[in-house]
């Protein structure tokens, strides 16, 4: 293998990682349920509360994807009259709309003041 080919694979992997992190936010958070001690659970919860400030950014991205998929569905249905292809875009707009609801609920729960 040439050095150029190896460098290309490395940059492709990095691009995939960046794309994943651009769209999905799970890498920002810690699993509080997997903590073994109350101290670890508290630390994970506090970390997740601090990271919740980035959720509105992801909410905007997923909202854009929802509107974009819905608009593509409308465009394909009206202009090309391709019902199967438009159904594909409408389905993805439903999936991304569900994602926006999940992000909103997570953000609301994580930004609530801590109960004593």
N, C-alpha and C. Protein backbone atom coordinates (compact mmCIF):
# COMPACT_ATOMS: atom_id res chain seq x y z
N UNK A 1 0.84 -1.19 0.00
CA UNK A 1 0.00 0.00 0.00
C UNK A 1 0.88 1.24 0.00
N UNK A 2 0.45 2.20 -0.74
CA UNK A 2 1.21 3.44 -0.79
C UNK A 2 0.85 4.33 0.39
N UNK A 3 1.70 5.28 0.64
CA UNK A 3 1.47 6.22 1.73
C UNK A 3 0.26 7.08 1.44
N UNK A 4 0.07 7.45 0.17
CA UNK A 4 -1.08 8.28 -0.19
C UNK A 4 -2.38 7.54 0.09
N UNK A 5 -2.40 6.24 -0.23
CA UNK A 5 -3.61 5.47 -0.02
C UNK A 5 -3.91 5.34 1.48
N UNK A 6 -2.88 5.15 2.28
CA UNK A 6 -3.07 5.03 3.72
C UNK A 6 -3.56 6.36 4.30
N UNK A 7 -3.01 7.46 3.82
CA UNK A 7 -3.44 8.77 4.32
C UNK A 7 -4.89 9.02 3.95
N UNK A 8 -5.29 8.57 2.77
CA UNK A 8 -6.67 8.73 2.35
C UNK A 8 -7.63 7.96 3.24
N UNK A 9 -7.25 6.75 3.65
CA UNK A 9 -8.10 5.97 4.53
C UNK A 9 -8.23 6.62 5.89
N UNK A 10 -7.14 7.17 6.39
CA UNK A 10 -7.18 7.83 7.69
C UNK A 10 -8.06 9.06 7.69
N UNK A 11 -7.96 9.85 6.62
CA UNK A 11 -8.79 11.05 6.55
C UNK A 11 -10.25 10.69 6.34
N UNK A 12 -10.52 9.57 5.64
CA UNK A 12 -11.90 9.14 5.46
C UNK A 12 -12.49 8.73 6.80
N UNK A 13 -11.71 8.04 7.60
CA UNK A 13 -12.18 7.62 8.91
C UNK A 13 -12.44 8.84 9.78
N UNK A 14 -11.55 9.80 9.73
CA UNK A 14 -11.76 11.01 10.51
C UNK A 14 -13.00 11.76 10.05
N UNK A 15 -13.22 11.80 8.74
CA UNK A 15 -14.41 12.47 8.22
C UNK A 15 -15.68 11.77 8.71
N UNK A 16 -15.67 10.44 8.68
CA UNK A 16 -16.84 9.70 9.17
C UNK A 16 -17.09 9.98 10.65
N UNK A 17 -16.03 10.04 11.42
CA UNK A 17 -16.16 10.34 12.84
C UNK A 17 -16.71 11.75 13.04
N UNK A 18 -16.19 12.70 12.28
CA UNK A 18 -16.68 14.08 12.38
C UNK A 18 -18.14 14.17 11.95
N UNK A 19 -18.49 13.48 10.90
CA UNK A 19 -19.88 13.49 10.44
C UNK A 19 -20.80 12.89 11.49
N UNK A 20 -20.38 11.77 12.08
CA UNK A 20 -21.16 11.15 13.14
C UNK A 20 -21.33 12.12 14.31
N UNK A 21 -20.27 12.75 14.71
CA UNK A 21 -20.34 13.68 15.84
C UNK A 21 -21.12 14.94 15.50
N UNK A 22 -21.16 15.30 14.21
CA UNK A 22 -21.92 16.46 13.78
C UNK A 22 -23.42 16.19 13.87
N UNK A 23 -23.82 14.95 13.63
CA UNK A 23 -25.25 14.62 13.60
C UNK A 23 -25.74 14.03 14.93
N UNK A 24 -24.96 13.18 15.55
CA UNK A 24 -25.38 12.50 16.77
C UNK A 24 -24.63 13.05 17.98
N UNK A 25 -25.30 13.07 19.11
CA UNK A 25 -24.75 13.71 20.31
C UNK A 25 -24.43 12.74 21.43
N UNK A 26 -24.62 11.44 21.22
CA UNK A 26 -24.43 10.48 22.31
C UNK A 26 -23.00 10.43 22.83
N UNK A 27 -22.04 10.81 22.00
CA UNK A 27 -20.64 10.77 22.41
C UNK A 27 -20.33 11.83 23.47
N UNK A 28 -21.21 12.80 23.64
CA UNK A 28 -20.99 13.85 24.63
C UNK A 28 -21.34 13.43 26.05
N UNK A 29 -22.16 12.40 26.18
CA UNK A 29 -22.75 12.07 27.47
C UNK A 29 -22.19 10.78 28.04
N UNK A 30 -22.28 10.68 29.38
CA UNK A 30 -21.84 9.48 30.10
C UNK A 30 -23.07 8.69 30.53
N UNK A 31 -22.93 7.39 30.66
CA UNK A 31 -24.01 6.52 31.08
C UNK A 31 -24.07 6.52 32.61
N UNK A 32 -25.05 7.25 33.15
CA UNK A 32 -25.18 7.31 34.61
C UNK A 32 -25.71 5.99 35.17
N UNK A 33 -26.45 5.24 34.36
CA UNK A 33 -26.98 3.96 34.82
C UNK A 33 -25.91 2.90 34.95
N UNK A 34 -24.80 3.06 34.25
CA UNK A 34 -23.72 2.09 34.31
C UNK A 34 -22.72 2.36 35.42
N UNK A 35 -22.95 3.42 36.18
CA UNK A 35 -22.05 3.75 37.28
C UNK A 35 -22.19 2.74 38.41
N UNK A 36 -21.07 2.40 39.03
CA UNK A 36 -21.08 1.38 40.08
C UNK A 36 -21.35 1.95 41.47
N UNK A 37 -20.93 3.17 41.70
CA UNK A 37 -21.10 3.77 43.02
C UNK A 37 -21.94 5.04 42.90
N UNK A 38 -22.51 5.50 44.02
CA UNK A 38 -23.26 6.76 43.98
C UNK A 38 -22.39 7.95 43.56
N UNK A 39 -21.12 7.92 43.90
CA UNK A 39 -20.23 9.01 43.52
C UNK A 39 -20.05 9.05 42.00
N UNK A 40 -19.86 7.88 41.40
CA UNK A 40 -19.73 7.81 39.94
C UNK A 40 -21.02 8.25 39.26
N UNK A 41 -22.15 7.83 39.82
CA UNK A 41 -23.45 8.21 39.25
C UNK A 41 -23.65 9.73 39.33
N UNK A 42 -23.27 10.30 40.44
CA UNK A 42 -23.39 11.76 40.61
C UNK A 42 -22.47 12.48 39.64
N UNK A 43 -21.26 11.99 39.49
CA UNK A 43 -20.31 12.60 38.56
C UNK A 43 -20.82 12.51 37.12
N UNK A 44 -21.38 11.38 36.74
CA UNK A 44 -21.92 11.21 35.38
C UNK A 44 -23.11 12.14 35.16
N UNK A 45 -23.97 12.26 36.17
CA UNK A 45 -25.13 13.14 36.05
C UNK A 45 -24.70 14.59 35.91
N UNK A 46 -23.73 15.00 36.72
CA UNK A 46 -23.23 16.37 36.63
C UNK A 46 -22.58 16.64 35.27
N UNK A 47 -21.83 15.68 34.78
CA UNK A 47 -21.22 15.81 33.46
C UNK A 47 -22.30 15.97 32.39
N UNK A 48 -23.34 15.15 32.47
CA UNK A 48 -24.42 15.22 31.48
C UNK A 48 -25.16 16.55 31.56
N UNK A 49 -25.32 17.07 32.76
CA UNK A 49 -25.96 18.39 32.90
C UNK A 49 -25.11 19.48 32.25
N UNK A 50 -23.80 19.39 32.42
CA UNK A 50 -22.91 20.38 31.79
C UNK A 50 -22.94 20.27 30.27
N UNK A 51 -22.98 19.06 29.77
CA UNK A 51 -22.98 18.84 28.32
C UNK A 51 -24.32 19.18 27.66
N UNK A 52 -25.37 19.32 28.47
CA UNK A 52 -26.69 19.61 27.91
C UNK A 52 -26.74 20.97 27.22
N UNK A 53 -25.77 21.83 27.48
CA UNK A 53 -25.76 23.13 26.82
C UNK A 53 -25.54 23.00 25.31
N UNK A 54 -25.07 21.85 24.84
CA UNK A 54 -24.85 21.64 23.40
C UNK A 54 -26.09 21.06 22.71
N UNK A 55 -27.07 20.64 23.45
CA UNK A 55 -28.25 20.03 22.84
C UNK A 55 -29.04 20.98 21.93
N UNK A 56 -29.16 22.27 22.24
CA UNK A 56 -29.86 23.15 21.29
C UNK A 56 -29.18 23.22 19.92
N UNK A 57 -27.87 23.06 19.87
CA UNK A 57 -27.17 23.03 18.58
C UNK A 57 -27.63 21.82 17.78
N UNK A 58 -27.68 20.67 18.44
CA UNK A 58 -28.14 19.46 17.78
C UNK A 58 -29.62 19.55 17.44
N UNK A 59 -30.41 20.22 18.26
CA UNK A 59 -31.82 20.41 17.96
C UNK A 59 -32.00 21.22 16.68
N UNK A 60 -31.19 22.26 16.50
CA UNK A 60 -31.26 23.04 15.25
C UNK A 60 -30.88 22.18 14.05
N UNK A 61 -29.84 21.37 14.19
CA UNK A 61 -29.41 20.52 13.09
C UNK A 61 -30.50 19.52 12.71
N UNK A 62 -31.10 18.87 13.70
CA UNK A 62 -32.13 17.88 13.43
C UNK A 62 -33.40 18.56 12.91
N UNK A 63 -33.70 19.76 13.38
CA UNK A 63 -34.85 20.49 12.85
C UNK A 63 -34.64 20.83 11.38
N UNK A 64 -33.42 21.24 11.05
CA UNK A 64 -33.11 21.50 9.64
C UNK A 64 -33.29 20.24 8.81
N UNK A 65 -32.79 19.11 9.30
CA UNK A 65 -32.96 17.85 8.57
C UNK A 65 -34.44 17.50 8.39
N UNK A 66 -35.25 17.77 9.39
CA UNK A 66 -36.68 17.50 9.29
C UNK A 66 -37.32 18.33 8.18
N UNK A 67 -37.05 19.63 8.21
CA UNK A 67 -37.63 20.52 7.20
C UNK A 67 -37.08 20.20 5.82
N UNK A 68 -35.79 19.90 5.74
CA UNK A 68 -35.16 19.59 4.46
C UNK A 68 -35.76 18.32 3.85
N UNK A 69 -35.90 17.27 4.67
CA UNK A 69 -36.48 16.02 4.16
C UNK A 69 -37.94 16.21 3.74
N UNK A 70 -38.68 16.98 4.52
CA UNK A 70 -40.08 17.23 4.17
C UNK A 70 -40.17 18.03 2.87
N UNK A 71 -39.33 19.05 2.74
CA UNK A 71 -39.33 19.86 1.52
C UNK A 71 -38.93 19.02 0.30
N UNK A 72 -37.94 18.15 0.46
CA UNK A 72 -37.58 17.26 -0.65
C UNK A 72 -38.72 16.33 -1.01
N UNK A 73 -39.43 15.84 -0.01
CA UNK A 73 -40.58 14.99 -0.28
C UNK A 73 -41.65 15.72 -1.06
N UNK A 74 -41.93 16.96 -0.67
CA UNK A 74 -42.91 17.77 -1.41
C UNK A 74 -42.44 18.05 -2.83
N UNK A 75 -41.18 18.40 -2.96
CA UNK A 75 -40.63 18.71 -4.28
C UNK A 75 -40.67 17.50 -5.21
N UNK A 76 -40.25 16.36 -4.71
CA UNK A 76 -40.24 15.15 -5.53
C UNK A 76 -41.67 14.74 -5.90
N UNK A 77 -42.59 14.91 -4.95
CA UNK A 77 -43.97 14.52 -5.23
C UNK A 77 -44.61 15.44 -6.26
N UNK A 78 -44.37 16.73 -6.14
CA UNK A 78 -44.98 17.69 -7.07
C UNK A 78 -44.29 17.70 -8.43
N UNK A 79 -42.98 17.81 -8.41
CA UNK A 79 -42.25 17.98 -9.67
C UNK A 79 -42.09 16.68 -10.45
N UNK A 80 -41.69 15.63 -9.77
CA UNK A 80 -41.42 14.37 -10.47
C UNK A 80 -42.57 13.37 -10.40
N UNK A 81 -43.53 13.63 -9.51
CA UNK A 81 -44.65 12.73 -9.27
C UNK A 81 -44.18 11.30 -8.99
N UNK A 82 -43.09 11.22 -8.25
CA UNK A 82 -42.53 9.92 -7.85
C UNK A 82 -42.97 9.65 -6.42
N UNK A 83 -44.06 8.92 -6.28
CA UNK A 83 -44.63 8.74 -4.95
C UNK A 83 -43.76 7.89 -4.03
N UNK A 84 -43.09 6.88 -4.59
CA UNK A 84 -42.25 6.04 -3.74
C UNK A 84 -41.05 6.82 -3.21
N UNK A 85 -40.43 7.62 -4.06
CA UNK A 85 -39.29 8.43 -3.63
C UNK A 85 -39.73 9.51 -2.65
N UNK A 86 -40.88 10.11 -2.90
CA UNK A 86 -41.37 11.13 -1.96
C UNK A 86 -41.71 10.49 -0.61
N UNK A 87 -42.24 9.27 -0.64
CA UNK A 87 -42.53 8.57 0.62
C UNK A 87 -41.25 8.33 1.42
N UNK A 88 -40.16 8.06 0.72
CA UNK A 88 -38.85 7.88 1.37
C UNK A 88 -38.48 9.15 2.14
N UNK A 89 -38.59 10.31 1.49
CA UNK A 89 -38.23 11.57 2.15
C UNK A 89 -39.21 11.91 3.27
N UNK A 90 -40.50 11.65 3.07
CA UNK A 90 -41.48 11.91 4.13
C UNK A 90 -41.23 11.00 5.34
N UNK A 91 -40.84 9.76 5.09
CA UNK A 91 -40.53 8.85 6.19
C UNK A 91 -39.33 9.36 6.98
N UNK A 92 -38.29 9.81 6.27
CA UNK A 92 -37.13 10.34 6.97
C UNK A 92 -37.45 11.64 7.71
N UNK A 93 -38.38 12.43 7.20
CA UNK A 93 -38.78 13.62 7.94
C UNK A 93 -39.48 13.23 9.24
N UNK A 94 -40.23 12.13 9.23
CA UNK A 94 -40.86 11.63 10.47
C UNK A 94 -39.80 11.13 11.45
N UNK A 95 -38.79 10.43 10.93
CA UNK A 95 -37.71 9.92 11.79
C UNK A 95 -36.95 11.08 12.42
N UNK A 96 -36.61 12.09 11.64
CA UNK A 96 -35.87 13.22 12.18
C UNK A 96 -36.74 14.07 13.10
N UNK A 97 -38.05 14.14 12.84
CA UNK A 97 -38.95 14.85 13.76
C UNK A 97 -38.98 14.14 15.11
N UNK A 98 -38.97 12.81 15.09
CA UNK A 98 -38.89 12.05 16.34
C UNK A 98 -37.58 12.34 17.06
N UNK A 99 -36.50 12.46 16.31
CA UNK A 99 -35.21 12.82 16.90
C UNK A 99 -35.25 14.19 17.57
N UNK A 100 -35.94 15.15 16.97
CA UNK A 100 -36.04 16.47 17.59
C UNK A 100 -36.82 16.40 18.90
N UNK A 101 -37.84 15.55 18.95
CA UNK A 101 -38.60 15.38 20.19
C UNK A 101 -37.71 14.78 21.27
N UNK A 102 -36.93 13.76 20.92
CA UNK A 102 -36.02 13.13 21.89
C UNK A 102 -35.00 14.14 22.41
N UNK A 103 -34.42 14.92 21.52
CA UNK A 103 -33.43 15.93 21.92
C UNK A 103 -34.08 16.96 22.84
N UNK A 104 -35.29 17.41 22.50
CA UNK A 104 -35.98 18.40 23.31
C UNK A 104 -36.27 17.87 24.71
N UNK A 105 -36.76 16.64 24.81
CA UNK A 105 -37.07 16.05 26.12
C UNK A 105 -35.79 15.88 26.94
N UNK A 106 -34.73 15.40 26.31
CA UNK A 106 -33.46 15.23 27.03
C UNK A 106 -32.95 16.58 27.54
N UNK A 107 -33.04 17.59 26.70
CA UNK A 107 -32.57 18.92 27.09
C UNK A 107 -33.41 19.47 28.24
N UNK A 108 -34.74 19.30 28.16
CA UNK A 108 -35.60 19.80 29.24
C UNK A 108 -35.31 19.11 30.56
N UNK A 109 -35.12 17.80 30.54
CA UNK A 109 -34.85 17.07 31.78
C UNK A 109 -33.47 17.41 32.35
N UNK A 110 -32.48 17.57 31.49
CA UNK A 110 -31.13 17.84 31.98
C UNK A 110 -30.94 19.27 32.46
N UNK A 111 -31.77 20.19 31.99
CA UNK A 111 -31.61 21.59 32.41
C UNK A 111 -32.51 21.96 33.59
N UNK A 112 -33.33 21.02 34.04
CA UNK A 112 -34.17 21.27 35.22
C UNK A 112 -33.28 21.38 36.45
N UNK A 113 -33.65 22.25 37.39
CA UNK A 113 -32.87 22.31 38.64
C UNK A 113 -32.92 20.99 39.36
N UNK A 114 -31.83 20.68 40.03
CA UNK A 114 -31.72 19.42 40.77
C UNK A 114 -32.68 19.40 41.93
N UNK A 115 -33.36 18.28 42.09
CA UNK A 115 -34.26 18.10 43.22
C UNK A 115 -33.48 17.59 44.42
N UNK A 116 -33.73 18.14 45.60
CA UNK A 116 -32.98 17.67 46.78
C UNK A 116 -33.37 16.29 47.21
